[in-house]
Amino acid sequence: MKLKNNWIKLPEPLHSLMKGVEKGAITNFYGPPGVGKTNLCMLSAIECIKNGGKVFYIDTEGGFSIERLNQIVNNESILKNIIIAGPKDFEEQGKLIRSLEKRHDIDMIVLDSAVALYRLECADPTKETLDANKELSIQLSVLSNIARKRNIPVIITAHTFKRENGENYIIGGYTIKYWSKSIVFLEHTGRMSERKATIVKHRSIPEGKSVKFMIVNEGVKPSGFRIF
């Protein structure tokens, strides 16, 4: 099934921020724990399926919740069109990603998270090993090639940690940034259930543009609907 539109639409205010998830490229939602990365993955997957697509969802942290999916959309056909895989280690993650090159029945790939199992290879996240970095780059290059050749959207998520200077460092560093053509940083605002999404990198949208949103039972909704 070929998706008709070039974008997988996201609900407001994220639609006004970035239109949606672009076909033919890797979109990366990154940030600290609990900022809504998995929620955005699930919302994107639901929209893809509503448009006649099938989603391959790689859940490396056990974050995918059927209960949460049913909160957002109570539709049995949605779950039937999501293939969920849960690799146990970074090597298995790599094998799973490489196996997708032979599949032609997938209209979206989600890797949530790209770096959770990778991080286990590096006890100190500031001292990522050469072998782990090389394997991460290979995995992301495979996903990028699939996205471009088949013109489908690929979503990955990544974690951050704060350096001593207060900077949010993305796990996977340059490798993650290089292969991600759209990067959105998610963060807490300090208000209950409110989050902020900021464009860090995009092929057609200026960096620094941001919106605030709320996580609700139905997914997300605008928080004052202000675009900065």
N, C-alpha and C. Protein backbone atom coordinates (compact mmCIF):
# COMPACT_ATOMS: atom_id res chain seq x y z
N MET A 1 0.84 -1.19 0.00
CA MET A 1 0.00 0.00 0.00
C MET A 1 0.88 1.25 0.00
N LYS A 2 0.70 2.10 -0.99
CA LYS A 2 1.46 3.34 -1.06
C LYS A 2 0.65 4.48 -0.45
N LEU A 3 1.24 5.16 0.52
CA LEU A 3 0.56 6.28 1.16
C LEU A 3 0.45 7.43 0.17
N LYS A 4 -0.72 8.08 0.15
CA LYS A 4 -0.99 9.10 -0.86
C LYS A 4 -0.24 10.39 -0.60
N ASN A 5 -0.13 10.80 0.66
CA ASN A 5 0.47 12.08 0.99
C ASN A 5 1.96 11.95 1.29
N ASN A 6 2.68 13.07 1.15
CA ASN A 6 4.12 13.08 1.44
C ASN A 6 4.41 13.20 2.94
N TRP A 7 3.38 13.45 3.72
CA TRP A 7 3.56 13.64 5.16
C TRP A 7 2.57 12.77 5.92
N ILE A 8 2.99 12.23 7.05
CA ILE A 8 2.08 11.61 8.00
C ILE A 8 1.67 12.72 8.96
N LYS A 9 0.42 13.09 8.90
CA LYS A 9 -0.06 14.24 9.66
C LYS A 9 -0.02 13.99 11.15
N LEU A 10 0.43 14.99 11.90
CA LEU A 10 0.40 14.96 13.36
C LEU A 10 -0.66 15.94 13.85
N PRO A 11 -1.22 15.69 15.04
CA PRO A 11 -2.24 16.61 15.57
C PRO A 11 -1.64 17.96 15.93
N GLU A 12 -2.49 18.97 16.02
CA GLU A 12 -2.03 20.29 16.46
C GLU A 12 -1.59 20.21 17.93
N PRO A 13 -0.59 21.03 18.27
CA PRO A 13 0.05 22.06 17.46
C PRO A 13 1.26 21.56 16.66
N LEU A 14 1.51 20.25 16.69
CA LEU A 14 2.69 19.71 16.01
C LEU A 14 2.56 19.81 14.50
N HIS A 15 1.32 19.78 14.01
CA HIS A 15 1.13 19.95 12.56
C HIS A 15 1.62 21.33 12.12
N SER A 16 1.30 22.35 12.89
CA SER A 16 1.74 23.70 12.54
C SER A 16 3.24 23.87 12.72
N LEU A 17 3.83 23.07 13.61
CA LEU A 17 5.28 23.14 13.82
C LEU A 17 6.05 22.52 12.68
N MET A 18 5.67 21.30 12.26
CA MET A 18 6.51 20.54 11.33
C MET A 18 5.73 19.81 10.23
N LYS A 19 4.44 20.18 10.06
CA LYS A 19 3.56 19.54 9.08
C LYS A 19 3.25 18.11 9.46
N GLY A 20 4.28 17.33 9.70
CA GLY A 20 4.11 15.94 10.06
C GLY A 20 5.40 15.19 9.89
N VAL A 21 5.30 13.88 9.76
CA VAL A 21 6.47 13.03 9.56
C VAL A 21 6.65 12.83 8.06
N GLU A 22 7.82 13.19 7.57
CA GLU A 22 8.08 13.21 6.13
C GLU A 22 8.44 11.82 5.60
N LYS A 23 7.93 11.51 4.42
CA LYS A 23 8.31 10.27 3.75
C LYS A 23 9.71 10.40 3.19
N GLY A 24 10.41 9.27 3.06
CA GLY A 24 11.73 9.26 2.42
C GLY A 24 12.86 9.73 3.30
N ALA A 25 12.64 9.83 4.61
CA ALA A 25 13.68 10.35 5.50
C ALA A 25 13.46 9.84 6.92
N ILE A 26 14.51 9.99 7.74
CA ILE A 26 14.42 9.65 9.16
C ILE A 26 14.05 10.90 9.96
N THR A 27 12.99 10.79 10.75
CA THR A 27 12.60 11.84 11.69
C THR A 27 12.95 11.38 13.09
N ASN A 28 13.59 12.24 13.85
CA ASN A 28 14.09 11.89 15.18
C ASN A 28 13.44 12.76 16.25
N PHE A 29 12.68 12.14 17.15
CA PHE A 29 12.18 12.81 18.34
C PHE A 29 13.10 12.44 19.49
N TYR A 30 13.76 13.42 20.10
CA TYR A 30 14.67 13.10 21.19
C TYR A 30 14.44 13.99 22.40
N GLY A 31 14.87 13.49 23.55
CA GLY A 31 14.70 14.26 24.78
C GLY A 31 14.82 13.34 25.98
N PRO A 32 14.67 13.90 27.18
CA PRO A 32 14.77 13.11 28.40
C PRO A 32 13.56 12.18 28.56
N PRO A 33 13.58 11.30 29.55
CA PRO A 33 12.45 10.38 29.76
C PRO A 33 11.15 11.13 30.05
N GLY A 34 10.04 10.56 29.57
CA GLY A 34 8.73 11.06 29.93
C GLY A 34 8.28 12.33 29.25
N VAL A 35 8.89 12.67 28.10
CA VAL A 35 8.50 13.91 27.42
C VAL A 35 7.50 13.68 26.28
N GLY A 36 7.16 12.42 26.00
CA GLY A 36 6.16 12.16 24.98
C GLY A 36 6.67 11.57 23.69
N LYS A 37 7.91 11.07 23.69
CA LYS A 37 8.48 10.52 22.45
C LYS A 37 7.65 9.33 21.94
N THR A 38 7.34 8.41 22.85
CA THR A 38 6.56 7.23 22.44
C THR A 38 5.15 7.63 22.02
N ASN A 39 4.57 8.62 22.69
CA ASN A 39 3.25 9.11 22.31
C ASN A 39 3.24 9.59 20.86
N LEU A 40 4.27 10.33 20.46
CA LEU A 40 4.33 10.83 19.08
C LEU A 40 4.56 9.70 18.09
N CYS A 41 5.32 8.69 18.50
CA CYS A 41 5.50 7.51 17.65
C CYS A 41 4.16 6.82 17.42
N MET A 42 3.40 6.64 18.48
CA MET A 42 2.12 5.95 18.39
C MET A 42 1.11 6.76 17.58
N LEU A 43 1.08 8.07 17.78
CA LEU A 43 0.17 8.92 17.02
C LEU A 43 0.50 8.86 15.52
N SER A 44 1.79 8.84 15.19
CA SER A 44 2.21 8.76 13.79
C SER A 44 1.82 7.41 13.19
N ALA A 45 2.02 6.34 13.97
CA ALA A 45 1.66 5.00 13.51
C ALA A 45 0.16 4.89 13.26
N ILE A 46 -0.64 5.44 14.15
CA ILE A 46 -2.09 5.42 13.99
C ILE A 46 -2.51 6.15 12.72
N GLU A 47 -1.92 7.30 12.48
CA GLU A 47 -2.26 8.08 11.29
C GLU A 47 -1.87 7.34 10.02
N CYS A 48 -0.72 6.68 10.04
CA CYS A 48 -0.28 5.90 8.89
C CYS A 48 -1.29 4.80 8.58
N ILE A 49 -1.73 4.09 9.60
CA ILE A 49 -2.67 2.99 9.41
C ILE A 49 -4.03 3.50 8.95
N LYS A 50 -4.46 4.64 9.48
CA LYS A 50 -5.72 5.23 9.04
C LYS A 50 -5.70 5.55 7.55
N ASN A 51 -4.50 5.78 7.02
CA ASN A 51 -4.35 6.09 5.60
C ASN A 51 -4.05 4.85 4.77
N GLY A 52 -4.29 3.68 5.36
CA GLY A 52 -4.14 2.44 4.61
C GLY A 52 -2.79 1.77 4.72
N GLY A 53 -1.93 2.23 5.62
CA GLY A 53 -0.59 1.69 5.72
C GLY A 53 -0.43 0.62 6.79
N LYS A 54 0.75 0.02 6.81
CA LYS A 54 1.13 -0.95 7.82
C LYS A 54 2.43 -0.49 8.46
N VAL A 55 2.55 -0.66 9.77
CA VAL A 55 3.68 -0.12 10.52
C VAL A 55 4.48 -1.24 11.16
N PHE A 56 5.81 -1.16 11.04
CA PHE A 56 6.72 -2.06 11.76
C PHE A 56 7.29 -1.25 12.91
N TYR A 57 6.97 -1.66 14.13
CA TYR A 57 7.31 -0.90 15.33
C TYR A 57 8.33 -1.70 16.15
N ILE A 58 9.57 -1.17 16.24
CA ILE A 58 10.62 -1.81 17.02
C ILE A 58 10.66 -1.14 18.39
N ASP A 59 10.25 -1.88 19.41
CA ASP A 59 10.14 -1.36 20.77
C ASP A 59 11.28 -1.92 21.61
N THR A 60 12.32 -1.12 21.80
CA THR A 60 13.52 -1.61 22.49
C THR A 60 13.45 -1.44 24.01
N GLU A 61 12.43 -0.72 24.50
CA GLU A 61 12.35 -0.44 25.95
C GLU A 61 11.07 -0.96 26.59
N GLY A 62 10.22 -1.61 25.82
CA GLY A 62 8.94 -2.05 26.37
C GLY A 62 8.00 -0.90 26.63
N GLY A 63 8.16 0.19 25.88
CA GLY A 63 7.34 1.38 26.11
C GLY A 63 6.02 1.38 25.38
N PHE A 64 5.86 0.48 24.39
CA PHE A 64 4.60 0.44 23.64
C PHE A 64 3.51 -0.17 24.50
N SER A 65 2.42 0.56 24.69
CA SER A 65 1.32 0.12 25.55
C SER A 65 0.05 -0.01 24.74
N ILE A 66 -0.53 -1.22 24.73
CA ILE A 66 -1.80 -1.42 24.04
C ILE A 66 -2.90 -0.61 24.73
N GLU A 67 -2.83 -0.50 26.05
CA GLU A 67 -3.81 0.29 26.79
C GLU A 67 -3.76 1.75 26.36
N ARG A 68 -2.54 2.27 26.18
CA ARG A 68 -2.40 3.66 25.73
C ARG A 68 -2.91 3.81 24.30
N LEU A 69 -2.62 2.83 23.45
CA LEU A 69 -3.11 2.86 22.08
C LEU A 69 -4.63 2.93 22.07
N ASN A 70 -5.28 2.12 22.90
CA ASN A 70 -6.74 2.10 22.95
C ASN A 70 -7.32 3.38 23.52
N GLN A 71 -6.54 4.06 24.38
CA GLN A 71 -6.96 5.38 24.88
C GLN A 71 -7.05 6.37 23.73
N ILE A 72 -6.05 6.33 22.87
CA ILE A 72 -5.97 7.29 21.77
C ILE A 72 -7.00 6.96 20.70
N VAL A 73 -7.09 5.70 20.33
CA VAL A 73 -8.03 5.29 19.28
C VAL A 73 -8.48 3.85 19.56
N ASN A 74 -9.75 3.69 19.80
CA ASN A 74 -10.29 2.36 20.11
C ASN A 74 -10.77 1.71 18.81
N ASN A 75 -9.82 1.10 18.11
CA ASN A 75 -10.11 0.54 16.79
C ASN A 75 -9.25 -0.71 16.60
N GLU A 76 -9.88 -1.87 16.51
CA GLU A 76 -9.14 -3.12 16.42
C GLU A 76 -8.26 -3.20 15.18
N SER A 77 -8.68 -2.55 14.09
CA SER A 77 -7.91 -2.62 12.85
C SER A 77 -6.56 -1.93 12.98
N ILE A 78 -6.45 -0.99 13.92
CA ILE A 78 -5.17 -0.29 14.12
C ILE A 78 -4.12 -1.28 14.60
N LEU A 79 -4.43 -2.01 15.66
CA LEU A 79 -3.47 -2.95 16.24
C LEU A 79 -3.13 -4.06 15.25
N LYS A 80 -4.08 -4.47 14.44
CA LYS A 80 -3.85 -5.53 13.47
C LYS A 80 -2.81 -5.13 12.42
N ASN A 81 -2.63 -3.83 12.24
CA ASN A 81 -1.71 -3.35 11.21
C ASN A 81 -0.41 -2.80 11.78
N ILE A 82 -0.13 -3.11 13.05
CA ILE A 82 1.16 -2.79 13.67
C ILE A 82 1.88 -4.09 13.99
N ILE A 83 3.06 -4.25 13.43
CA ILE A 83 3.91 -5.40 13.75
C ILE A 83 4.89 -4.92 14.82
N ILE A 84 4.81 -5.50 16.02
CA ILE A 84 5.64 -5.04 17.13
C ILE A 84 6.74 -6.06 17.39
N ALA A 85 7.97 -5.58 17.42
CA ALA A 85 9.13 -6.43 17.68
C ALA A 85 9.92 -5.84 18.85
N GLY A 86 10.42 -6.70 19.73
CA GLY A 86 11.15 -6.25 20.91
C GLY A 86 12.50 -6.90 21.04
N PRO A 87 13.53 -6.38 20.37
CA PRO A 87 14.88 -6.96 20.47
C PRO A 87 15.39 -6.89 21.90
N LYS A 88 16.18 -7.89 22.28
CA LYS A 88 16.67 -7.97 23.65
C LYS A 88 18.05 -7.33 23.84
N ASP A 89 18.80 -7.16 22.74
CA ASP A 89 20.11 -6.52 22.84
C ASP A 89 20.41 -5.80 21.53
N PHE A 90 21.54 -5.07 21.52
CA PHE A 90 21.88 -4.22 20.38
C PHE A 90 22.16 -5.05 19.13
N GLU A 91 22.75 -6.22 19.30
CA GLU A 91 23.02 -7.10 18.16
C GLU A 91 21.71 -7.56 17.51
N GLU A 92 20.76 -7.95 18.35
CA GLU A 92 19.46 -8.39 17.83
C GLU A 92 18.73 -7.23 17.14
N GLN A 93 18.89 -6.04 17.69
CA GLN A 93 18.31 -4.84 17.05
C GLN A 93 18.85 -4.68 15.64
N GLY A 94 20.15 -4.85 15.48
CA GLY A 94 20.78 -4.73 14.17
C GLY A 94 20.27 -5.77 13.18
N LYS A 95 20.14 -7.00 13.64
CA LYS A 95 19.64 -8.07 12.76
C LYS A 95 18.21 -7.78 12.32
N LEU A 96 17.42 -7.28 13.24
CA LEU A 96 16.02 -6.97 12.94
C LEU A 96 15.92 -5.87 11.90
N ILE A 97 16.73 -4.82 12.06
CA ILE A 97 16.72 -3.72 11.11
C ILE A 97 17.17 -4.18 9.73
N ARG A 98 18.22 -4.99 9.67
CA ARG A 98 18.70 -5.48 8.38
C ARG A 98 17.64 -6.36 7.69
N SER A 99 16.85 -7.09 8.49
CA SER A 99 15.83 -7.96 7.90
C SER A 99 14.74 -7.16 7.19
N LEU A 100 14.58 -5.89 7.55
CA LEU A 100 13.55 -5.05 6.94
C LEU A 100 13.85 -4.72 5.48
N GLU A 101 15.12 -4.89 5.08
CA GLU A 101 15.47 -4.64 3.68
C GLU A 101 14.75 -5.60 2.74
N LYS A 102 14.36 -6.76 3.26
CA LYS A 102 13.71 -7.78 2.43
C LYS A 102 12.19 -7.70 2.48
N ARG A 103 11.68 -6.80 3.32
CA ARG A 103 10.22 -6.68 3.46
C ARG A 103 9.72 -5.52 2.60
N HIS A 104 8.64 -5.78 1.88
CA HIS A 104 8.08 -4.74 1.02
C HIS A 104 6.61 -4.49 1.34
N ASP A 105 6.19 -4.93 2.53
CA ASP A 105 4.80 -4.75 2.94
C ASP A 105 4.67 -3.72 4.06
N ILE A 106 5.73 -2.91 4.27
CA ILE A 106 5.76 -1.95 5.37
C ILE A 106 5.68 -0.53 4.83
N ASP A 107 4.82 0.30 5.44
CA ASP A 107 4.65 1.68 5.00
C ASP A 107 5.22 2.69 5.98
N MET A 108 5.65 2.23 7.14
CA MET A 108 6.33 3.09 8.11
C MET A 108 7.13 2.20 9.05
N ILE A 109 8.31 2.69 9.45
CA ILE A 109 9.13 2.01 10.45
C ILE A 109 9.33 2.94 11.63
N VAL A 110 9.15 2.40 12.83
CA VAL A 110 9.41 3.14 14.07
C VAL A 110 10.47 2.38 14.86
N LEU A 111 11.51 3.10 15.29
CA LEU A 111 12.54 2.53 16.15
C LEU A 111 12.56 3.33 17.45
N ASP A 112 11.92 2.79 18.47
CA ASP A 112 11.72 3.49 19.74
C ASP A 112 12.27 2.63 20.88
N SER A 113 13.48 2.87 21.33
CA SER A 113 14.42 3.92 21.01
C SER A 113 15.59 3.36 20.20
N ALA A 114 16.23 4.23 19.42
CA ALA A 114 17.39 3.81 18.64
C ALA A 114 18.61 3.54 19.51
N VAL A 115 18.65 4.14 20.71
CA VAL A 115 19.89 4.14 21.48
C VAL A 115 19.80 3.48 22.85
N ALA A 116 18.63 2.94 23.22
CA ALA A 116 18.51 2.33 24.55
C ALA A 116 19.43 1.13 24.68
N LEU A 117 19.43 0.24 23.70
CA LEU A 117 20.28 -0.95 23.74
C LEU A 117 21.73 -0.61 23.38
N TYR A 118 21.88 0.37 22.50
CA TYR A 118 23.22 0.88 22.16
C TYR A 118 23.92 1.41 23.41
N ARG A 119 23.15 2.08 24.24
CA ARG A 119 23.72 2.70 25.46
C ARG A 119 24.29 1.64 26.40
N LEU A 120 23.70 0.45 26.37
CA LEU A 120 24.20 -0.63 27.22
C LEU A 120 25.59 -1.10 26.78
N GLU A 121 25.92 -0.81 25.51
CA GLU A 121 27.25 -1.15 25.01
C GLU A 121 28.31 -0.18 25.52
N CYS A 122 27.86 0.97 26.00
CA CYS A 122 28.78 2.03 26.44
C CYS A 122 28.44 2.39 27.88
N ALA A 123 29.19 1.90 28.83
CA ALA A 123 28.90 2.15 30.24
C ALA A 123 28.91 3.65 30.55
N ASP A 124 29.83 4.38 29.91
CA ASP A 124 29.90 5.83 30.06
C ASP A 124 29.42 6.44 28.75
N PRO A 125 28.26 7.15 28.74
CA PRO A 125 27.71 7.68 27.49
C PRO A 125 28.58 8.73 26.83
N THR A 126 29.55 9.28 27.56
CA THR A 126 30.45 10.26 26.96
C THR A 126 31.64 9.58 26.28
N LYS A 127 31.74 8.24 26.46
CA LYS A 127 32.86 7.50 25.88
C LYS A 127 32.33 6.32 25.06
N GLU A 128 31.57 6.68 24.02
CA GLU A 128 30.96 5.65 23.17
C GLU A 128 32.06 4.88 22.43
N THR A 129 31.94 3.57 22.39
CA THR A 129 32.97 2.75 21.78
C THR A 129 32.91 2.83 20.27
N LEU A 130 34.05 2.60 19.65
CA LEU A 130 34.13 2.67 18.19
C LEU A 130 33.24 1.63 17.54
N ASP A 131 33.26 0.40 18.06
CA ASP A 131 32.44 -0.66 17.48
C ASP A 131 30.95 -0.35 17.59
N ALA A 132 30.53 0.14 18.74
CA ALA A 132 29.12 0.47 18.94
C ALA A 132 28.70 1.60 18.02
N ASN A 133 29.55 2.62 17.88
CA ASN A 133 29.24 3.74 16.99
C ASN A 133 29.12 3.27 15.55
N LYS A 134 30.03 2.40 15.14
CA LYS A 134 30.00 1.89 13.77
C LYS A 134 28.72 1.11 13.51
N GLU A 135 28.32 0.26 14.46
CA GLU A 135 27.10 -0.52 14.30
C GLU A 135 25.87 0.37 14.28
N LEU A 136 25.84 1.38 15.15
CA LEU A 136 24.71 2.32 15.16
C LEU A 136 24.60 3.03 13.81
N SER A 137 25.74 3.45 13.27
CA SER A 137 25.74 4.12 11.97
C SER A 137 25.22 3.20 10.87
N ILE A 138 25.62 1.93 10.91
CA ILE A 138 25.15 0.97 9.91
C ILE A 138 23.63 0.79 10.02
N GLN A 139 23.14 0.64 11.24
CA GLN A 139 21.70 0.45 11.43
C GLN A 139 20.92 1.65 10.88
N LEU A 140 21.39 2.84 11.18
CA LEU A 140 20.68 4.04 10.72
C LEU A 140 20.81 4.22 9.21
N SER A 141 21.95 3.82 8.64
CA SER A 141 22.11 3.91 7.19
C SER A 141 21.15 2.96 6.48
N VAL A 142 20.94 1.77 7.06
CA VAL A 142 19.98 0.82 6.49
C VAL A 142 18.58 1.42 6.52
N LEU A 143 18.20 2.01 7.64
CA LEU A 143 16.88 2.63 7.76
C LEU A 143 16.73 3.80 6.79
N SER A 144 17.78 4.59 6.64
CA SER A 144 17.75 5.71 5.72
C SER A 144 17.58 5.24 4.27
N ASN A 145 18.30 4.19 3.91
CA ASN A 145 18.19 3.64 2.55
C ASN A 145 16.79 3.10 2.28
N ILE A 146 16.22 2.42 3.27
CA ILE A 146 14.86 1.91 3.10
C ILE A 146 13.88 3.06 2.92
N ALA A 147 14.03 4.11 3.74
CA ALA A 147 13.15 5.27 3.65
C ALA A 147 13.21 5.90 2.26
N ARG A 148 14.43 6.08 1.74
CA ARG A 148 14.59 6.76 0.45
C ARG A 148 14.14 5.88 -0.72
N LYS A 149 14.55 4.61 -0.72
CA LYS A 149 14.25 3.73 -1.85
C LYS A 149 12.75 3.43 -1.96
N ARG A 150 12.11 3.29 -0.81
CA ARG A 150 10.68 2.95 -0.83
C ARG A 150 9.78 4.15 -0.57
N ASN A 151 10.41 5.29 -0.31
CA ASN A 151 9.68 6.54 -0.05
C ASN A 151 8.67 6.36 1.08
N ILE A 152 9.17 5.86 2.21
CA ILE A 152 8.33 5.70 3.38
C ILE A 152 8.93 6.48 4.55
N PRO A 153 8.11 6.84 5.55
CA PRO A 153 8.64 7.54 6.72
C PRO A 153 9.28 6.58 7.71
N VAL A 154 10.37 7.02 8.32
CA VAL A 154 11.02 6.28 9.40
C VAL A 154 11.14 7.22 10.60
N ILE A 155 10.71 6.76 11.75
CA ILE A 155 10.82 7.53 12.99
C ILE A 155 11.76 6.82 13.94
N ILE A 156 12.67 7.57 14.53
CA ILE A 156 13.49 7.04 15.61
C ILE A 156 13.35 7.97 16.82
N THR A 157 13.63 7.44 17.99
CA THR A 157 13.71 8.29 19.17
C THR A 157 15.08 8.10 19.80
N ALA A 158 15.48 9.08 20.58
CA ALA A 158 16.79 9.03 21.25
C ALA A 158 16.70 9.75 22.59
N HIS A 159 17.59 9.36 23.50
CA HIS A 159 17.64 9.94 24.83
C HIS A 159 18.68 11.06 24.91
N THR A 160 18.58 11.82 25.96
CA THR A 160 19.59 12.85 26.25
C THR A 160 20.05 12.70 27.71
N PHE A 161 21.20 13.31 27.97
CA PHE A 161 21.59 13.54 29.35
C PHE A 161 22.25 14.90 29.42
N LYS A 162 22.24 15.50 30.59
CA LYS A 162 22.79 16.84 30.76
C LYS A 162 24.27 16.78 31.10
N ARG A 163 25.07 17.54 30.36
CA ARG A 163 26.48 17.68 30.70
C ARG A 163 26.61 18.61 31.91
N GLU A 164 27.82 18.73 32.41
CA GLU A 164 28.06 19.59 33.57
C GLU A 164 27.74 21.05 33.26
N ASN A 165 27.85 21.44 31.97
CA ASN A 165 27.56 22.83 31.60
C ASN A 165 26.06 23.06 31.34
N GLY A 166 25.24 22.03 31.57
CA GLY A 166 23.80 22.17 31.40
C GLY A 166 23.30 21.84 30.01
N GLU A 167 24.22 21.55 29.08
CA GLU A 167 23.84 21.23 27.71
C GLU A 167 23.19 19.85 27.63
N ASN A 168 22.12 19.76 26.83
CA ASN A 168 21.47 18.47 26.59
C ASN A 168 22.23 17.74 25.49
N TYR A 169 22.89 16.65 25.86
CA TYR A 169 23.68 15.86 24.91
C TYR A 169 22.85 14.68 24.44
N ILE A 170 22.73 14.52 23.13
CA ILE A 170 21.95 13.43 22.58
C ILE A 170 22.79 12.16 22.54
N ILE A 171 22.25 11.08 23.10
CA ILE A 171 22.96 9.81 23.08
C ILE A 171 23.11 9.37 21.62
N GLY A 172 24.32 8.99 21.25
CA GLY A 172 24.60 8.65 19.86
C GLY A 172 25.27 9.78 19.11
N GLY A 173 25.24 10.97 19.71
CA GLY A 173 25.98 12.12 19.20
C GLY A 173 25.86 12.40 17.72
N TYR A 174 27.01 12.58 17.08
CA TYR A 174 27.07 12.97 15.67
C TYR A 174 26.39 11.94 14.77
N THR A 175 26.51 10.67 15.11
CA THR A 175 25.93 9.61 14.28
C THR A 175 24.42 9.78 14.15
N ILE A 176 23.76 10.00 15.28
CA ILE A 176 22.31 10.20 15.29
C ILE A 176 21.95 11.47 14.50
N LYS A 177 22.70 12.54 14.73
CA LYS A 177 22.39 13.81 14.06
C LYS A 177 22.59 13.72 12.55
N TYR A 178 23.62 12.99 12.13
CA TYR A 178 23.91 12.89 10.69
C TYR A 178 22.79 12.20 9.94
N TRP A 179 22.34 11.06 10.43
CA TRP A 179 21.35 10.27 9.70
C TRP A 179 19.93 10.79 9.84
N SER A 180 19.67 11.59 10.84
CA SER A 180 18.33 12.14 11.04
C SER A 180 18.16 13.41 10.21
N LYS A 181 17.23 13.39 9.28
CA LYS A 181 17.02 14.56 8.42
C LYS A 181 16.09 15.59 9.06
N SER A 182 15.25 15.13 9.99
CA SER A 182 14.42 16.03 10.79
C SER A 182 14.63 15.66 12.25
N ILE A 183 14.97 16.65 13.07
CA ILE A 183 15.22 16.41 14.49
C ILE A 183 14.36 17.37 15.31
N VAL A 184 13.60 16.80 16.24
CA VAL A 184 12.74 17.61 17.11
C VAL A 184 13.10 17.30 18.56
N PHE A 185 13.46 18.33 19.31
CA PHE A 185 13.80 18.17 20.72
C PHE A 185 12.56 18.37 21.57
N LEU A 186 12.26 17.41 22.43
CA LEU A 186 11.12 17.48 23.34
C LEU A 186 11.62 17.67 24.76
N GLU A 187 10.95 18.53 25.51
CA GLU A 187 11.37 18.79 26.88
C GLU A 187 10.17 19.15 27.76
N HIS A 188 10.36 18.99 29.06
CA HIS A 188 9.35 19.40 30.04
C HIS A 188 9.39 20.93 30.18
N THR A 189 8.24 21.51 30.47
CA THR A 189 8.20 22.96 30.69
C THR A 189 8.13 23.30 32.17
N GLY A 190 7.84 22.31 33.00
CA GLY A 190 7.65 22.57 34.43
C GLY A 190 6.19 22.59 34.82
N ARG A 191 5.31 22.66 33.83
CA ARG A 191 3.87 22.60 34.09
C ARG A 191 3.37 21.18 33.87
N MET A 192 2.42 20.76 34.69
CA MET A 192 1.89 19.40 34.62
C MET A 192 1.40 19.05 33.22
N SER A 193 1.92 17.95 32.67
CA SER A 193 1.50 17.41 31.36
C SER A 193 1.88 18.29 30.17
N GLU A 194 2.55 19.43 30.42
CA GLU A 194 2.92 20.31 29.30
C GLU A 194 4.33 20.00 28.83
N ARG A 195 4.51 20.02 27.52
CA ARG A 195 5.80 19.76 26.89
C ARG A 195 6.08 20.85 25.86
N LYS A 196 7.35 20.95 25.49
CA LYS A 196 7.76 21.89 24.44
C LYS A 196 8.50 21.12 23.37
N ALA A 197 8.15 21.36 22.12
CA ALA A 197 8.81 20.73 20.98
C ALA A 197 9.51 21.81 20.17
N THR A 198 10.80 21.59 19.86
CA THR A 198 11.60 22.58 19.14
C THR A 198 12.29 21.93 17.94
N ILE A 199 12.21 22.59 16.79
CA ILE A 199 12.90 22.11 15.60
C ILE A 199 14.41 22.35 15.76
N VAL A 200 15.19 21.28 15.72
CA VAL A 200 16.64 21.38 15.81
C VAL A 200 17.26 21.28 14.42
N LYS A 201 16.64 20.48 13.56
CA LYS A 201 17.14 20.28 12.20
C LYS A 201 15.95 19.90 11.33
N HIS A 202 15.87 20.49 10.14
CA HIS A 202 14.79 20.14 9.22
C HIS A 202 15.17 20.55 7.82
N ARG A 203 14.66 19.83 6.84
CA ARG A 203 15.02 20.12 5.44
C ARG A 203 14.28 21.33 4.89
N SER A 204 13.17 21.73 5.53
CA SER A 204 12.40 22.84 4.95
C SER A 204 11.83 23.81 5.98
N ILE A 205 12.11 23.59 7.26
CA ILE A 205 11.56 24.45 8.31
C ILE A 205 12.71 25.05 9.11
N PRO A 206 12.64 26.36 9.44
CA PRO A 206 13.73 27.01 10.17
C PRO A 206 13.97 26.39 11.53
N GLU A 207 15.24 26.27 11.91
CA GLU A 207 15.61 25.78 13.23
C GLU A 207 15.16 26.78 14.30
N GLY A 208 14.83 26.24 15.46
CA GLY A 208 14.46 27.10 16.58
C GLY A 208 12.97 27.30 16.74
N LYS A 209 12.18 26.99 15.72
CA LYS A 209 10.73 27.12 15.82
C LYS A 209 10.22 26.12 16.85
N SER A 210 9.27 26.52 17.70
CA SER A 210 8.81 25.63 18.76
C SER A 210 7.34 25.84 19.09
N VAL A 211 6.75 24.84 19.71
CA VAL A 211 5.38 24.92 20.21
C VAL A 211 5.31 24.24 21.57
N LYS A 212 4.29 24.59 22.32
CA LYS A 212 4.01 23.90 23.57
C LYS A 212 2.74 23.08 23.39
N PHE A 213 2.73 21.88 23.99
CA PHE A 213 1.56 21.02 23.86
C PHE A 213 1.33 20.26 25.15
N MET A 214 0.13 19.71 25.25
CA MET A 214 -0.26 18.93 26.42
C MET A 214 -0.46 17.48 26.01
N ILE A 215 -0.04 16.54 26.87
CA ILE A 215 -0.33 15.13 26.66
C ILE A 215 -1.64 14.81 27.36
N VAL A 216 -2.61 14.32 26.60
CA VAL A 216 -3.95 14.03 27.12
C VAL A 216 -4.34 12.60 26.73
N ASN A 217 -5.48 12.13 27.24
CA ASN A 217 -5.92 10.77 26.95
C ASN A 217 -6.01 10.50 25.45
N GLU A 218 -6.47 11.50 24.70
CA GLU A 218 -6.69 11.32 23.27
C GLU A 218 -5.42 11.51 22.44
N GLY A 219 -4.31 11.80 23.10
CA GLY A 219 -3.05 12.01 22.38
C GLY A 219 -2.36 13.26 22.85
N VAL A 220 -2.41 14.31 22.04
CA VAL A 220 -1.87 15.60 22.42
C VAL A 220 -2.84 16.68 22.01
N LYS A 221 -2.70 17.85 22.65
CA LYS A 221 -3.51 19.01 22.27
C LYS A 221 -2.68 20.26 22.51
N PRO A 222 -3.06 21.40 21.87
CA PRO A 222 -2.31 22.63 22.05
C PRO A 222 -2.34 23.12 23.49
N SER A 223 -1.26 23.75 23.90
CA SER A 223 -1.19 24.41 25.20
C SER A 223 -1.07 25.91 24.94
N GLY A 224 -2.21 26.56 24.84
CA GLY A 224 -2.18 27.98 24.50
C GLY A 224 -1.95 28.19 23.01
N PHE A 225 -1.56 27.11 22.27
CA PHE A 225 -1.36 27.13 20.83
C PHE A 225 -0.52 28.32 20.38
N ARG A 226 0.65 28.46 20.99
CA ARG A 226 1.57 29.51 20.62
C ARG A 226 2.77 28.91 19.91
N ILE A 227 3.10 29.50 18.76
CA ILE A 227 4.29 29.09 18.01
C ILE A 227 5.35 30.17 18.18
N PHE A 228 6.53 29.76 18.56
CA PHE A 228 7.60 30.74 18.89
C PHE A 228 8.62 30.84 17.74
